[in-house]
C-alpha atoms as a PDB file:
ATOM      1  CA  UNK A   1      -5.538 -19.921   8.731  1.00  0.00           C
ATOM      2  CA  UNK A   2      -7.403 -17.121   7.008  1.00  0.00           C
ATOM      3  CA  UNK A   3      -7.539 -18.317   3.434  1.00  0.00           C
ATOM      4  CA  UNK A   4      -8.457 -16.455   0.277  1.00  0.00           C
ATOM      5  CA  UNK A   5      -9.232 -18.659  -2.719  1.00  0.00           C
ATOM      6  CA  UNK A   6      -7.642 -17.036  -5.770  1.00  0.00           C
ATOM      7  CA  UNK A   7      -9.930 -18.763  -8.260  1.00  0.00           C
ATOM      8  CA  UNK A   8     -13.024 -17.355  -6.476  1.00  0.00           C
ATOM      9  CA  UNK A   9     -11.855 -13.746  -6.966  1.00  0.00           C
ATOM     10  CA  UNK A  10     -13.077 -11.784  -9.972  1.00  0.00           C
ATOM     11  CA  UNK A  11     -10.534  -9.968 -12.150  1.00  0.00           C
ATOM     12  CA  UNK A  12      -9.916  -6.457 -10.864  1.00  0.00           C
ATOM     13  CA  UNK A  13     -10.931  -5.084  -7.483  1.00  0.00           C
ATOM     14  CA  UNK A  14     -12.503  -7.254  -4.756  1.00  0.00           C
ATOM     15  CA  UNK A  15     -13.364  -5.920  -1.280  1.00  0.00           C
ATOM     16  CA  UNK A  16     -13.596  -8.216   1.728  1.00  0.00           C
ATOM     17  CA  UNK A  17     -14.195  -7.581   5.412  1.00  0.00           C
ATOM     18  CA  UNK A  18     -13.020 -10.403   7.579  1.00  0.00           C
ATOM     19  CA  UNK A  19     -12.891 -10.793  11.338  1.00  0.00           C
ATOM     20  CA  UNK A  20      -9.826 -12.663  12.547  1.00  0.00           C
ATOM     21  CA  UNK A  21      -9.868 -14.545  15.824  1.00  0.00           C
ATOM     22  CA  UNK A  22      -7.324 -13.122  18.248  1.00  0.00           C
ATOM     23  CA  UNK A  23      -6.441 -16.631  19.456  1.00  0.00           C
ATOM     24  CA  UNK A  24      -5.404 -17.677  15.927  1.00  0.00           C
ATOM     25  CA  UNK A  25      -2.661 -15.013  15.933  1.00  0.00           C
ATOM     26  CA  UNK A  26      -0.926 -16.208  19.150  1.00  0.00           C
ATOM     27  CA  UNK A  27      -0.184 -12.671  20.365  1.00  0.00           C
ATOM     28  CA  UNK A  28      -0.598 -12.406  24.154  1.00  0.00           C
ATOM     29  CA  UNK A  29      -1.057  -8.619  24.148  1.00  0.00           C
ATOM     30  CA  UNK A  30      -4.019  -8.769  21.765  1.00  0.00           C
ATOM     31  CA  UNK A  31      -7.209  -7.716  23.571  1.00  0.00           C
ATOM     32  CA  UNK A  32      -9.891  -9.035  21.234  1.00  0.00           C
ATOM     33  CA  UNK A  33     -10.493 -10.143  17.699  1.00  0.00           C
ATOM     34  CA  UNK A  34      -9.032  -8.219  14.769  1.00  0.00           C
ATOM     35  CA  UNK A  35     -11.187  -6.510  12.168  1.00  0.00           C
ATOM     36  CA  UNK A  36      -9.600  -6.575   8.720  1.00  0.00           C
ATOM     37  CA  UNK A  37     -10.761  -4.687   5.650  1.00  0.00           C
ATOM     38  CA  UNK A  38      -9.066  -5.995   2.523  1.00  0.00           C
ATOM     39  CA  UNK A  39      -8.915  -4.729  -1.023  1.00  0.00           C
ATOM     40  CA  UNK A  40      -7.738  -7.502  -3.336  1.00  0.00           C
ATOM     41  CA  UNK A  41      -6.707  -6.602  -6.866  1.00  0.00           C
ATOM     42  CA  UNK A  42      -6.475  -9.656  -9.099  1.00  0.00           C
ATOM     43  CA  UNK A  43      -4.523  -9.484 -12.359  1.00  0.00           C
ATOM     44  CA  UNK A  44      -4.338 -12.981 -13.788  1.00  0.00           C
ATOM     45  CA  UNK A  45      -2.556 -15.044 -11.125  1.00  0.00           C
ATOM     46  CA  UNK A  46      -1.119 -11.966  -9.363  1.00  0.00           C
ATOM     47  CA  UNK A  47      -3.070 -10.732  -6.347  1.00  0.00           C
ATOM     48  CA  UNK A  48      -2.262  -7.438  -4.650  1.00  0.00           C
ATOM     49  CA  UNK A  49      -3.702  -7.125  -1.156  1.00  0.00           C
ATOM     50  CA  UNK A  50      -4.102  -3.761   0.561  1.00  0.00           C
ATOM     51  CA  UNK A  51      -5.323  -4.220   4.078  1.00  0.00           C
ATOM     52  CA  UNK A  52      -6.363  -2.120   7.042  1.00  0.00           C
ATOM     53  CA  UNK A  53      -6.570  -3.862  10.405  1.00  0.00           C
ATOM     54  CA  UNK A  54      -8.156  -2.593  13.623  1.00  0.00           C
ATOM     55  CA  UNK A  55      -7.060  -4.095  16.933  1.00  0.00           C
ATOM     56  CA  UNK A  56      -6.272  -3.262  20.559  1.00  0.00           C
ATOM     57  CA  UNK A  57      -3.247  -4.277  22.581  1.00  0.00           C
ATOM     58  CA  UNK A  58      -2.805  -4.563  26.331  1.00  0.00           C
ATOM     59  CA  UNK A  59       0.516  -2.912  27.135  1.00  0.00           C
ATOM     60  CA  UNK A  60       2.569  -1.967  30.211  1.00  0.00           C
ATOM     61  CA  UNK A  61       3.807   1.616  30.470  1.00  0.00           C
ATOM     62  CA  UNK A  62       7.597   1.849  30.332  1.00  0.00           C
ATOM     63  CA  UNK A  63       7.614   4.721  32.880  1.00  0.00           C
ATOM     64  CA  UNK A  64       4.978   3.905  35.526  1.00  0.00           C
ATOM     65  CA  UNK A  65       4.436   0.168  34.915  1.00  0.00           C
ATOM     66  CA  UNK A  66       0.645   0.614  34.692  1.00  0.00           C
ATOM     67  CA  UNK A  67      -1.295  -1.623  32.336  1.00  0.00           C
ATOM     68  CA  UNK A  68      -3.314   0.117  29.637  1.00  0.00           C
ATOM     69  CA  UNK A  69      -5.109  -0.700  26.413  1.00  0.00           C
ATOM     70  CA  UNK A  70      -4.140   1.051  23.193  1.00  0.00           C
ATOM     71  CA  UNK A  71      -6.166   0.844  19.967  1.00  0.00           C
ATOM     72  CA  UNK A  72      -4.366   0.622  16.627  1.00  0.00           C
ATOM     73  CA  UNK A  73      -5.257   0.974  12.961  1.00  0.00           C
ATOM     74  CA  UNK A  74      -2.475  -0.380  10.769  1.00  0.00           C
ATOM     75  CA  UNK A  75      -2.197  -0.836   7.015  1.00  0.00           C
ATOM     76  CA  UNK A  76      -0.256  -3.274   4.873  1.00  0.00           C
ATOM     77  CA  UNK A  77       0.320  -3.762   1.173  1.00  0.00           C
ATOM     78  CA  UNK A  78       1.469  -7.097  -0.241  1.00  0.00           C
ATOM     79  CA  UNK A  79       1.742  -8.734  -3.605  1.00  0.00           C
ATOM     80  CA  UNK A  80       1.088 -12.461  -3.988  1.00  0.00           C
ATOM     81  CA  UNK A  81       2.497 -14.428  -6.913  1.00  0.00           C
ATOM     82  CA  UNK A  82       2.066 -18.099  -7.755  1.00  0.00           C
ATOM     83  CA  UNK A  83       5.054 -20.389  -7.225  1.00  0.00           C
ATOM     84  CA  UNK A  84       8.087 -20.290  -4.982  1.00  0.00           C
ATOM     85  CA  UNK A  85      10.607 -17.578  -4.169  1.00  0.00           C
ATOM     86  CA  UNK A  86      13.816 -17.494  -6.212  1.00  0.00           C
ATOM     87  CA  UNK A  87      17.124 -15.818  -5.429  1.00  0.00           C
ATOM     88  CA  UNK A  88      17.866 -12.538  -7.202  1.00  0.00           C
ATOM     89  CA  UNK A  89      20.853 -10.197  -7.129  1.00  0.00           C
ATOM     90  CA  UNK A  90      18.965  -6.901  -7.112  1.00  0.00           C
ATOM     91  CA  UNK A  91      15.598  -6.268  -5.523  1.00  0.00           C
ATOM     92  CA  UNK A  92      12.910  -3.999  -6.914  1.00  0.00           C
ATOM     93  CA  UNK A  93      10.056  -2.574  -4.843  1.00  0.00           C
ATOM     94  CA  UNK A  94       7.810  -5.329  -6.193  1.00  0.00           C
ATOM     95  CA  UNK A  95      10.351  -7.991  -5.131  1.00  0.00           C
ATOM     96  CA  UNK A  96      10.464  -6.660  -1.554  1.00  0.00           C
ATOM     97  CA  UNK A  97       6.712  -6.810  -1.043  1.00  0.00           C
ATOM     98  CA  UNK A  98       6.221 -10.084  -2.957  1.00  0.00           C
ATOM     99  CA  UNK A  99       4.905 -13.197  -1.268  1.00  0.00           C
ATOM    100  CA  UNK A 100       4.261 -16.524  -2.915  1.00  0.00           C
ATOM    101  CA  UNK A 101       1.373 -18.937  -2.820  1.00  0.00           C
ATOM    102  CA  UNK A 102       1.105 -22.531  -3.959  1.00  0.00           C
ATOM    103  CA  UNK A 103      -2.121 -23.914  -5.370  1.00  0.00           C
ATOM    104  CA  UNK A 104      -5.107 -21.578  -5.305  1.00  0.00           C
ATOM    105  CA  UNK A 105      -5.058 -20.387  -1.673  1.00  0.00           C
ATOM    106  CA  UNK A 106      -3.474 -17.360  -0.031  1.00  0.00           C
ATOM    107  CA  UNK A 107      -3.140 -17.388   3.762  1.00  0.00           C
ATOM    108  CA  UNK A 108      -3.121 -13.784   5.004  1.00  0.00           C
ATOM    109  CA  UNK A 109      -2.731 -14.685   8.683  1.00  0.00           C
ATOM    110  CA  UNK A 110       1.117 -14.386   8.685  1.00  0.00           C
ATOM    111  CA  UNK A 111       0.979 -10.877   7.193  1.00  0.00           C
ATOM    112  CA  UNK A 112      -1.669  -9.718   9.661  1.00  0.00           C
ATOM    113  CA  UNK A 113       0.338 -11.201  12.539  1.00  0.00           C
ATOM    114  CA  UNK A 114       3.578  -9.538  11.381  1.00  0.00           C
ATOM    115  CA  UNK A 115       1.814  -6.187  10.954  1.00  0.00           C
ATOM    116  CA  UNK A 116       0.481  -6.360  14.521  1.00  0.00           C
ATOM    117  CA  UNK A 117       3.838  -7.416  15.982  1.00  0.00           C
ATOM    118  CA  UNK A 118       5.646  -4.607  14.170  1.00  0.00           C
ATOM    119  CA  UNK A 119       3.177  -2.051  15.567  1.00  0.00           C
ATOM    120  CA  UNK A 120       3.991  -2.846  19.221  1.00  0.00           C
ATOM    121  CA  UNK A 121       5.911   0.171  20.531  1.00  0.00           C
ATOM    122  CA  UNK A 122       9.393  -0.458  21.915  1.00  0.00           C
ATOM    123  CA  UNK A 123       8.712   1.896  24.818  1.00  0.00           C
ATOM    124  CA  UNK A 124       4.928   2.064  25.339  1.00  0.00           C
ATOM    125  CA  UNK A 125       3.583   4.989  27.360  1.00  0.00           C
ATOM    126  CA  UNK A 126       0.165   5.120  29.038  1.00  0.00           C
ATOM    127  CA  UNK A 127       0.041   8.793  28.018  1.00  0.00           C
ATOM    128  CA  UNK A 128       2.534  11.282  26.622  1.00  0.00           C
ATOM    129  CA  UNK A 129       3.027  13.149  29.940  1.00  0.00           C
ATOM    130  CA  UNK A 130       3.442  10.085  32.157  1.00  0.00           C
ATOM    131  CA  UNK A 131       5.496  11.073  35.215  1.00  0.00           C
ATOM    132  CA  UNK A 132       6.731   7.563  35.963  1.00  0.00           C
ATOM    133  CA  UNK A 133       7.777   6.211  39.355  1.00  0.00           C
ATOM    134  CA  UNK A 134       9.657   7.869  42.210  1.00  0.00           C
ATOM    135  CA  UNK A 135      13.234   6.608  42.053  1.00  0.00           C
ATOM    136  CA  UNK A 136      13.352   6.294  45.870  1.00  0.00           C
ATOM    137  CA  UNK A 137      10.034   4.878  47.048  1.00  0.00           C
ATOM    138  CA  UNK A 138       8.556   3.618  43.748  1.00  0.00           C
ATOM    139  CA  UNK A 139       5.260   5.540  44.063  1.00  0.00           C
ATOM    140  CA  UNK A 140       3.423   6.171  40.800  1.00  0.00           C
ATOM    141  CA  UNK A 141       3.827   9.955  40.404  1.00  0.00           C
ATOM    142  CA  UNK A 142       0.758  10.131  38.142  1.00  0.00           C
ATOM    143  CA  UNK A 143      -1.312   9.469  41.288  1.00  0.00           C
ATOM    144  CA  UNK A 144       0.228  12.455  43.115  1.00  0.00           C
ATOM    145  CA  UNK A 145       3.525  13.447  44.747  1.00  0.00           C
ATOM    146  CA  UNK A 146       5.334  11.130  47.126  1.00  0.00           C
ATOM    147  CA  UNK A 147       6.695  11.951  50.610  1.00  0.00           C
ATOM    148  CA  UNK A 148      10.352  11.626  49.561  1.00  0.00           C
ATOM    149  CA  UNK A 149      12.669  14.613  49.830  1.00  0.00           C
END
């Protein structure tokens, strides 16, 4: 849990830098801890959080099957309101990005985790011009041509 205590925030803009342990996110591809820079805007009991997270993932190239590490910088924007979610017929932009907290604590770990998971490419490539594998012998063509005809 990475908890922000709402009652400890001042009204208006609050800036926080917080390292997040990679093991607390339960994402196997994560290389190391995550660095998060957060801007929290408190308006009464509403808290808007704009975050930027830096992290690296260990991925496998979809063409040549080589492992590689790719750095990411991702941003998120969420609104936290006190209470529980209620059903509505029409959603506004504020409704879509709204999250709810109970008591005086906001756990940002689920949002950071979701942001990282959504950034994982469907078809990761070690580099844009990856040549892949020979369809006959399976040699990695990035390492040079194979002997196949």
